[in-house]
Amino acid sequence: MTIITSPLAEQDRRVTGAALQSTLVDLLDLSLLAKQAHWNVYGQRFRAIHQQLDEVVTTARDYADQVAERAAALGVSPDGRAATVAESSGLPSFDSGWIADGAVVEALVGVFSTLIERMRTRIEETGSSDAVTQDLFISLTAEMEKQSWMFQAENRG
């Protein structure tokens, strides 16, 4: 049932809604992965990486809210339930337990790489269905690329 009338044609709403939903799930998973790493990181760079991970969590949660609200504005009910995230995320997972600072950084770089690839596909998918969502995805992807660069700089050189 659709409560909110969409400004998009039905096919465009379906394409855009699917892209928004999969993005929402990935962002919620990113926030959980970064928080898991935040709690379990150790090493000489603990404090700096610990704080940097909280920045990732905040960014992911902020964008998740924007994505969910965009979906709702288009008449698509966003689903951010834990079970949906667990079943649907396309991001690589982290092992449980303590993780060395360098390993956290490399794991996050891998997560960002996957997310950026998925976002670039969604940018293409929404190019003809909804320019407003595409614009949101472009902004989100730019931020994820910035975060990726910052984490890569932690371990390179």
N, C-alpha and C. Protein backbone atom coordinates (compact mmCIF):
# COMPACT_ATOMS: atom_id res chain seq x y z
N MET A 1 0.84 -1.17 0.00
CA MET A 1 0.00 0.00 0.00
C MET A 1 0.89 1.24 0.00
N THR A 2 0.54 2.21 -0.82
CA THR A 2 1.27 3.46 -0.88
C THR A 2 0.46 4.55 -0.20
N ILE A 3 1.02 5.14 0.81
CA ILE A 3 0.38 6.22 1.56
C ILE A 3 0.72 7.57 0.93
N ILE A 4 1.97 7.68 0.48
CA ILE A 4 2.48 8.94 -0.08
C ILE A 4 2.45 8.84 -1.60
N THR A 5 1.90 9.84 -2.23
CA THR A 5 1.86 9.89 -3.70
C THR A 5 3.24 10.27 -4.21
N SER A 6 3.72 9.50 -5.15
CA SER A 6 5.06 9.75 -5.71
C SER A 6 4.98 10.70 -6.90
N PRO A 7 5.95 11.60 -7.01
CA PRO A 7 6.00 12.45 -8.19
C PRO A 7 6.57 11.70 -9.41
N LEU A 8 7.05 10.49 -9.19
CA LEU A 8 7.67 9.71 -10.26
C LEU A 8 6.67 8.75 -10.89
N ALA A 9 6.92 8.42 -12.15
CA ALA A 9 6.16 7.36 -12.80
C ALA A 9 6.45 6.05 -12.06
N GLU A 10 5.52 5.12 -12.12
CA GLU A 10 5.64 3.89 -11.33
C GLU A 10 6.95 3.15 -11.59
N GLN A 11 7.36 2.99 -12.82
CA GLN A 11 8.61 2.28 -13.14
C GLN A 11 9.81 3.04 -12.55
N ASP A 12 9.82 4.35 -12.67
CA ASP A 12 10.90 5.15 -12.11
C ASP A 12 10.92 5.06 -10.59
N ARG A 13 9.73 5.03 -9.98
CA ARG A 13 9.63 4.88 -8.52
C ARG A 13 10.20 3.54 -8.07
N ARG A 14 9.90 2.48 -8.83
CA ARG A 14 10.42 1.15 -8.49
C ARG A 14 11.94 1.11 -8.56
N VAL A 15 12.50 1.63 -9.66
CA VAL A 15 13.96 1.63 -9.83
C VAL A 15 14.63 2.47 -8.75
N THR A 16 14.11 3.66 -8.54
CA THR A 16 14.68 4.57 -7.56
C THR A 16 14.49 4.02 -6.14
N GLY A 17 13.33 3.49 -5.86
CA GLY A 17 13.05 2.92 -4.54
C GLY A 17 13.99 1.77 -4.21
N ALA A 18 14.25 0.90 -5.17
CA ALA A 18 15.17 -0.22 -4.94
C ALA A 18 16.58 0.29 -4.67
N ALA A 19 17.00 1.29 -5.42
CA ALA A 19 18.34 1.86 -5.21
C ALA A 19 18.43 2.53 -3.85
N LEU A 20 17.40 3.24 -3.44
CA LEU A 20 17.39 3.87 -2.13
C LEU A 20 17.40 2.83 -1.02
N GLN A 21 16.60 1.79 -1.16
CA GLN A 21 16.55 0.76 -0.12
C GLN A 21 17.89 0.05 0.04
N SER A 22 18.51 -0.32 -1.06
CA SER A 22 19.80 -1.02 -0.94
C SER A 22 20.88 -0.09 -0.39
N THR A 23 20.78 1.19 -0.70
CA THR A 23 21.73 2.16 -0.14
C THR A 23 21.51 2.32 1.36
N LEU A 24 20.25 2.39 1.77
CA LEU A 24 19.93 2.49 3.19
C LEU A 24 20.54 1.32 3.97
N VAL A 25 20.34 0.13 3.46
CA VAL A 25 20.86 -1.06 4.13
C VAL A 25 22.38 -1.02 4.22
N ASP A 26 23.04 -0.65 3.13
CA ASP A 26 24.50 -0.58 3.15
C ASP A 26 25.00 0.47 4.14
N LEU A 27 24.34 1.61 4.20
CA LEU A 27 24.77 2.66 5.13
C LEU A 27 24.55 2.26 6.58
N LEU A 28 23.44 1.61 6.86
CA LEU A 28 23.22 1.15 8.23
C LEU A 28 24.25 0.09 8.61
N ASP A 29 24.57 -0.79 7.68
CA ASP A 29 25.61 -1.78 7.93
C ASP A 29 26.96 -1.12 8.13
N LEU A 30 27.29 -0.13 7.31
CA LEU A 30 28.55 0.60 7.49
C LEU A 30 28.63 1.20 8.88
N SER A 31 27.54 1.80 9.35
CA SER A 31 27.57 2.40 10.69
C SER A 31 27.81 1.34 11.76
N LEU A 32 27.23 0.16 11.58
CA LEU A 32 27.43 -0.92 12.55
C LEU A 32 28.84 -1.50 12.48
N LEU A 33 29.37 -1.67 11.27
CA LEU A 33 30.73 -2.18 11.12
C LEU A 33 31.74 -1.21 11.73
N ALA A 34 31.55 0.08 11.46
CA ALA A 34 32.48 1.07 12.00
C ALA A 34 32.39 1.13 13.52
N LYS A 35 31.20 0.99 14.06
CA LYS A 35 31.06 1.00 15.52
C LYS A 35 31.68 -0.25 16.13
N GLN A 36 31.52 -1.41 15.48
CA GLN A 36 32.14 -2.64 15.94
C GLN A 36 33.66 -2.48 15.98
N ALA A 37 34.21 -1.92 14.91
CA ALA A 37 35.66 -1.67 14.87
C ALA A 37 36.06 -0.66 15.94
N HIS A 38 35.26 0.36 16.13
CA HIS A 38 35.51 1.40 17.13
C HIS A 38 35.67 0.78 18.53
N TRP A 39 34.84 -0.18 18.85
CA TRP A 39 34.89 -0.82 20.17
C TRP A 39 36.05 -1.80 20.32
N ASN A 40 36.55 -2.32 19.21
CA ASN A 40 37.52 -3.42 19.28
C ASN A 40 38.91 -3.11 18.75
N VAL A 41 39.14 -1.89 18.31
CA VAL A 41 40.45 -1.53 17.77
C VAL A 41 41.48 -1.43 18.91
N TYR A 42 42.69 -1.81 18.60
CA TYR A 42 43.79 -1.62 19.54
C TYR A 42 45.06 -1.34 18.74
N GLY A 43 46.04 -0.76 19.40
CA GLY A 43 47.32 -0.50 18.75
C GLY A 43 47.81 0.90 19.02
N GLN A 44 48.97 1.21 18.45
CA GLN A 44 49.60 2.50 18.70
C GLN A 44 48.77 3.68 18.20
N ARG A 45 47.96 3.45 17.17
CA ARG A 45 47.13 4.53 16.63
C ARG A 45 45.69 4.44 17.13
N PHE A 46 45.50 3.76 18.25
CA PHE A 46 44.17 3.52 18.79
C PHE A 46 43.30 4.78 18.82
N ARG A 47 43.78 5.80 19.50
CA ARG A 47 42.93 6.97 19.73
C ARG A 47 42.51 7.65 18.42
N ALA A 48 43.44 7.86 17.53
CA ALA A 48 43.12 8.54 16.28
C ALA A 48 42.12 7.72 15.44
N ILE A 49 42.35 6.44 15.35
CA ILE A 49 41.45 5.59 14.55
C ILE A 49 40.11 5.42 15.25
N HIS A 50 40.15 5.28 16.56
CA HIS A 50 38.92 5.19 17.36
C HIS A 50 38.02 6.39 17.08
N GLN A 51 38.59 7.58 17.07
CA GLN A 51 37.82 8.80 16.81
C GLN A 51 37.40 8.88 15.34
N GLN A 52 38.28 8.47 14.44
CA GLN A 52 37.95 8.51 13.01
C GLN A 52 36.78 7.57 12.71
N LEU A 53 36.72 6.45 13.39
CA LEU A 53 35.62 5.51 13.19
C LEU A 53 34.28 6.12 13.62
N ASP A 54 34.30 6.91 14.68
CA ASP A 54 33.06 7.58 15.09
C ASP A 54 32.60 8.59 14.03
N GLU A 55 33.54 9.21 13.35
CA GLU A 55 33.18 10.11 12.25
C GLU A 55 32.48 9.33 11.14
N VAL A 56 32.96 8.13 10.85
CA VAL A 56 32.33 7.29 9.83
C VAL A 56 30.91 6.93 10.27
N VAL A 57 30.74 6.56 11.52
CA VAL A 57 29.42 6.21 12.05
C VAL A 57 28.46 7.38 11.89
N THR A 58 28.89 8.55 12.28
CA THR A 58 28.03 9.74 12.18
C THR A 58 27.67 10.03 10.73
N THR A 59 28.64 9.98 9.85
CA THR A 59 28.40 10.23 8.43
C THR A 59 27.43 9.20 7.85
N ALA A 60 27.66 7.94 8.15
CA ALA A 60 26.78 6.88 7.63
C ALA A 60 25.36 7.04 8.15
N ARG A 61 25.22 7.36 9.41
CA ARG A 61 23.87 7.53 9.98
C ARG A 61 23.17 8.75 9.40
N ASP A 62 23.91 9.84 9.23
CA ASP A 62 23.32 11.04 8.64
C ASP A 62 22.83 10.77 7.22
N TYR A 63 23.66 10.13 6.41
CA TYR A 63 23.25 9.82 5.05
C TYR A 63 22.14 8.78 5.02
N ALA A 64 22.16 7.83 5.95
CA ALA A 64 21.08 6.84 6.00
C ALA A 64 19.74 7.54 6.23
N ASP A 65 19.73 8.54 7.10
CA ASP A 65 18.51 9.28 7.37
C ASP A 65 18.06 10.03 6.11
N GLN A 66 18.98 10.65 5.40
CA GLN A 66 18.63 11.36 4.18
C GLN A 66 18.07 10.40 3.12
N VAL A 67 18.70 9.25 3.00
CA VAL A 67 18.26 8.25 2.02
C VAL A 67 16.87 7.73 2.39
N ALA A 68 16.66 7.42 3.66
CA ALA A 68 15.35 6.91 4.10
C ALA A 68 14.26 7.96 3.89
N GLU A 69 14.57 9.21 4.19
CA GLU A 69 13.58 10.26 4.01
C GLU A 69 13.30 10.53 2.53
N ARG A 70 14.32 10.36 1.69
CA ARG A 70 14.09 10.50 0.24
C ARG A 70 13.16 9.40 -0.24
N ALA A 71 13.38 8.18 0.23
CA ALA A 71 12.50 7.06 -0.15
C ALA A 71 11.07 7.37 0.29
N ALA A 72 10.90 7.80 1.52
CA ALA A 72 9.56 8.11 2.03
C ALA A 72 8.90 9.20 1.20
N ALA A 73 9.67 10.21 0.81
CA ALA A 73 9.13 11.30 0.00
C ALA A 73 8.64 10.82 -1.36
N LEU A 74 9.18 9.70 -1.81
CA LEU A 74 8.78 9.13 -3.10
C LEU A 74 7.69 8.06 -2.95
N GLY A 75 7.20 7.88 -1.72
CA GLY A 75 6.16 6.89 -1.49
C GLY A 75 6.69 5.48 -1.31
N VAL A 76 7.97 5.36 -1.02
CA VAL A 76 8.60 4.06 -0.79
C VAL A 76 8.89 3.94 0.70
N SER A 77 8.35 2.93 1.34
CA SER A 77 8.55 2.74 2.77
C SER A 77 9.96 2.19 3.02
N PRO A 78 10.82 2.96 3.71
CA PRO A 78 12.18 2.49 3.97
C PRO A 78 12.18 1.39 5.04
N ASP A 79 13.06 0.43 4.88
CA ASP A 79 13.15 -0.69 5.82
C ASP A 79 14.56 -0.77 6.37
N GLY A 80 14.73 -0.30 7.60
CA GLY A 80 16.03 -0.32 8.24
C GLY A 80 16.11 -1.28 9.41
N ARG A 81 15.23 -2.27 9.42
CA ARG A 81 15.24 -3.25 10.51
C ARG A 81 16.52 -4.08 10.48
N ALA A 82 16.95 -4.51 11.66
CA ALA A 82 18.19 -5.28 11.78
C ALA A 82 18.18 -6.52 10.88
N ALA A 83 17.06 -7.22 10.84
CA ALA A 83 16.97 -8.42 10.01
C ALA A 83 17.14 -8.09 8.54
N THR A 84 16.58 -6.97 8.11
CA THR A 84 16.71 -6.55 6.72
C THR A 84 18.15 -6.21 6.40
N VAL A 85 18.81 -5.51 7.31
CA VAL A 85 20.22 -5.17 7.11
C VAL A 85 21.06 -6.44 7.03
N ALA A 86 20.83 -7.37 7.95
CA ALA A 86 21.60 -8.62 7.97
C ALA A 86 21.40 -9.43 6.70
N GLU A 87 20.19 -9.43 6.18
CA GLU A 87 19.88 -10.23 4.98
C GLU A 87 20.31 -9.56 3.69
N SER A 88 20.36 -8.23 3.67
CA SER A 88 20.45 -7.51 2.40
C SER A 88 21.74 -6.75 2.15
N SER A 89 22.56 -6.53 3.15
CA SER A 89 23.75 -5.71 2.94
C SER A 89 24.70 -6.36 1.94
N GLY A 90 25.29 -5.52 1.12
CA GLY A 90 26.28 -5.99 0.16
C GLY A 90 27.70 -5.73 0.61
N LEU A 91 27.87 -5.29 1.85
CA LEU A 91 29.21 -4.96 2.34
C LEU A 91 29.88 -6.17 2.96
N PRO A 92 31.21 -6.22 2.87
CA PRO A 92 31.93 -7.31 3.55
C PRO A 92 31.78 -7.17 5.06
N SER A 93 31.81 -8.29 5.75
CA SER A 93 31.63 -8.25 7.20
C SER A 93 32.99 -8.24 7.91
N PHE A 94 32.93 -7.94 9.20
CA PHE A 94 34.10 -7.97 10.06
C PHE A 94 34.01 -9.22 10.93
N ASP A 95 35.15 -9.75 11.29
CA ASP A 95 35.16 -10.81 12.30
C ASP A 95 34.94 -10.18 13.66
N SER A 96 34.47 -10.97 14.60
CA SER A 96 34.30 -10.46 15.96
C SER A 96 35.65 -10.48 16.67
N GLY A 97 35.73 -9.77 17.75
CA GLY A 97 36.94 -9.76 18.56
C GLY A 97 37.82 -8.56 18.30
N TRP A 98 38.92 -8.52 19.02
CA TRP A 98 39.87 -7.43 18.92
C TRP A 98 40.49 -7.40 17.53
N ILE A 99 40.81 -6.20 17.07
CA ILE A 99 41.40 -6.06 15.75
C ILE A 99 42.44 -4.93 15.79
N ALA A 100 43.63 -5.24 15.30
CA ALA A 100 44.73 -4.29 15.32
C ALA A 100 44.42 -3.08 14.45
N ASP A 101 44.97 -1.94 14.84
CA ASP A 101 44.67 -0.69 14.14
C ASP A 101 44.91 -0.78 12.63
N GLY A 102 46.00 -1.34 12.20
CA GLY A 102 46.28 -1.46 10.77
C GLY A 102 45.28 -2.36 10.06
N ALA A 103 44.85 -3.41 10.73
CA ALA A 103 43.86 -4.32 10.14
C ALA A 103 42.49 -3.65 10.05
N VAL A 104 42.15 -2.82 11.04
CA VAL A 104 40.90 -2.07 10.99
C VAL A 104 40.90 -1.16 9.78
N VAL A 105 42.00 -0.45 9.59
CA VAL A 105 42.10 0.47 8.48
C VAL A 105 41.93 -0.27 7.16
N GLU A 106 42.63 -1.37 6.99
CA GLU A 106 42.53 -2.13 5.73
C GLU A 106 41.12 -2.69 5.54
N ALA A 107 40.50 -3.14 6.61
CA ALA A 107 39.13 -3.65 6.50
C ALA A 107 38.18 -2.54 6.07
N LEU A 108 38.33 -1.35 6.65
CA LEU A 108 37.47 -0.22 6.27
C LEU A 108 37.71 0.20 4.83
N VAL A 109 38.95 0.18 4.39
CA VAL A 109 39.25 0.51 3.00
C VAL A 109 38.51 -0.47 2.08
N GLY A 110 38.48 -1.75 2.44
CA GLY A 110 37.74 -2.73 1.64
C GLY A 110 36.25 -2.47 1.65
N VAL A 111 35.71 -2.11 2.80
CA VAL A 111 34.29 -1.79 2.90
C VAL A 111 33.96 -0.58 2.04
N PHE A 112 34.78 0.46 2.15
CA PHE A 112 34.55 1.66 1.33
C PHE A 112 34.63 1.34 -0.15
N SER A 113 35.59 0.53 -0.54
CA SER A 113 35.73 0.17 -1.95
C SER A 113 34.47 -0.50 -2.48
N THR A 114 33.94 -1.43 -1.71
CA THR A 114 32.70 -2.11 -2.11
C THR A 114 31.54 -1.13 -2.17
N LEU A 115 31.40 -0.31 -1.14
CA LEU A 115 30.30 0.64 -1.10
C LEU A 115 30.38 1.63 -2.25
N ILE A 116 31.55 2.14 -2.52
CA ILE A 116 31.72 3.12 -3.60
C ILE A 116 31.36 2.49 -4.94
N GLU A 117 31.78 1.27 -5.17
CA GLU A 117 31.42 0.57 -6.41
C GLU A 117 29.91 0.42 -6.53
N ARG A 118 29.28 0.03 -5.44
CA ARG A 118 27.82 -0.13 -5.45
C ARG A 118 27.12 1.21 -5.65
N MET A 119 27.65 2.26 -5.05
CA MET A 119 27.05 3.59 -5.21
C MET A 119 27.19 4.10 -6.64
N ARG A 120 28.31 3.87 -7.25
CA ARG A 120 28.50 4.32 -8.63
C ARG A 120 27.52 3.61 -9.58
N THR A 121 27.23 2.36 -9.31
CA THR A 121 26.22 1.64 -10.08
C THR A 121 24.85 2.27 -9.87
N ARG A 122 24.54 2.60 -8.63
CA ARG A 122 23.24 3.22 -8.33
C ARG A 122 23.12 4.62 -8.94
N ILE A 123 24.23 5.34 -9.01
CA ILE A 123 24.21 6.65 -9.67
C ILE A 123 23.78 6.47 -11.13
N GLU A 124 24.34 5.47 -11.79
CA GLU A 124 23.97 5.20 -13.18
C GLU A 124 22.51 4.77 -13.28
N GLU A 125 22.08 3.89 -12.38
CA GLU A 125 20.70 3.37 -12.41
C GLU A 125 19.66 4.47 -12.25
N THR A 126 19.96 5.44 -11.40
CA THR A 126 18.97 6.48 -11.11
C THR A 126 19.09 7.69 -12.05
N GLY A 127 20.06 7.66 -12.93
CA GLY A 127 20.27 8.77 -13.85
C GLY A 127 19.05 9.08 -14.70
N SER A 128 18.34 8.06 -15.11
CA SER A 128 17.16 8.29 -15.94
C SER A 128 15.86 8.20 -15.14
N SER A 129 15.92 7.69 -13.91
CA SER A 129 14.68 7.53 -13.14
C SER A 129 14.41 8.69 -12.18
N ASP A 130 15.45 9.29 -11.61
CA ASP A 130 15.22 10.39 -10.66
C ASP A 130 16.51 11.16 -10.41
N ALA A 131 16.60 12.32 -11.00
CA ALA A 131 17.80 13.15 -10.89
C ALA A 131 18.04 13.63 -9.45
N VAL A 132 16.98 13.80 -8.68
CA VAL A 132 17.15 14.26 -7.30
C VAL A 132 17.83 13.19 -6.47
N THR A 133 17.39 11.95 -6.60
CA THR A 133 18.04 10.84 -5.90
C THR A 133 19.46 10.66 -6.41
N GLN A 134 19.64 10.78 -7.71
CA GLN A 134 20.99 10.66 -8.26
C GLN A 134 21.91 11.71 -7.64
N ASP A 135 21.42 12.92 -7.47
CA ASP A 135 22.22 13.98 -6.85
C ASP A 135 22.61 13.61 -5.42
N LEU A 136 21.67 13.07 -4.66
CA LEU A 136 21.96 12.61 -3.31
C LEU A 136 23.04 11.53 -3.33
N PHE A 137 22.91 10.60 -4.26
CA PHE A 137 23.90 9.52 -4.38
C PHE A 137 25.28 10.06 -4.77
N ILE A 138 25.32 11.07 -5.61
CA ILE A 138 26.60 11.66 -6.00
C ILE A 138 27.27 12.29 -4.78
N SER A 139 26.51 13.03 -4.00
CA SER A 139 27.04 13.65 -2.78
C SER A 139 27.52 12.59 -1.79
N LEU A 140 26.73 11.57 -1.60
CA LEU A 140 27.08 10.47 -0.70
C LEU A 140 28.35 9.78 -1.17
N THR A 141 28.45 9.51 -2.45
CA THR A 141 29.62 8.82 -2.98
C THR A 141 30.87 9.68 -2.82
N ALA A 142 30.76 10.97 -3.04
CA ALA A 142 31.90 11.86 -2.84
C ALA A 142 32.38 11.79 -1.40
N GLU A 143 31.46 11.75 -0.45
CA GLU A 143 31.84 11.66 0.96
C GLU A 143 32.49 10.31 1.27
N MET A 144 31.96 9.23 0.71
CA MET A 144 32.55 7.91 0.94
C MET A 144 33.96 7.83 0.32
N GLU A 145 34.14 8.45 -0.83
CA GLU A 145 35.47 8.48 -1.45
C GLU A 145 36.44 9.28 -0.59
N LYS A 146 35.97 10.35 0.03
CA LYS A 146 36.80 11.13 0.94
C LYS A 146 37.19 10.29 2.15
N GLN A 147 36.22 9.60 2.73
CA GLN A 147 36.51 8.73 3.88
C GLN A 147 37.50 7.63 3.50
N SER A 148 37.32 7.05 2.33
CA SER A 148 38.22 6.01 1.85
C SER A 148 39.65 6.55 1.74
N TRP A 149 39.78 7.72 1.15
CA TRP A 149 41.09 8.35 1.01
C TRP A 149 41.74 8.54 2.38
N MET A 150 40.97 9.01 3.35
CA MET A 150 41.53 9.26 4.67
C MET A 150 42.00 7.98 5.34
N PHE A 151 41.26 6.91 5.18
CA PHE A 151 41.68 5.63 5.76
C PHE A 151 42.87 5.05 4.99
N GLN A 152 42.87 5.17 3.68
CA GLN A 152 44.01 4.68 2.91
C GLN A 152 45.29 5.40 3.34
N ALA A 153 45.20 6.69 3.60
CA ALA A 153 46.36 7.47 4.00
C ALA A 153 46.92 7.02 5.35
N GLU A 154 46.09 6.36 6.15
CA GLU A 154 46.54 5.85 7.46
C GLU A 154 47.60 4.75 7.33
N ASN A 155 47.49 3.92 6.32
CA ASN A 155 48.37 2.74 6.21
C ASN A 155 49.36 2.80 5.07
N ARG A 156 49.32 3.83 4.28
CA ARG A 156 50.20 3.87 3.10
C ARG A 156 51.43 4.71 3.39
N GLY A 157 52.49 4.40 2.70
CA GLY A 157 53.67 5.25 2.79
C GLY A 157 54.82 4.65 3.52
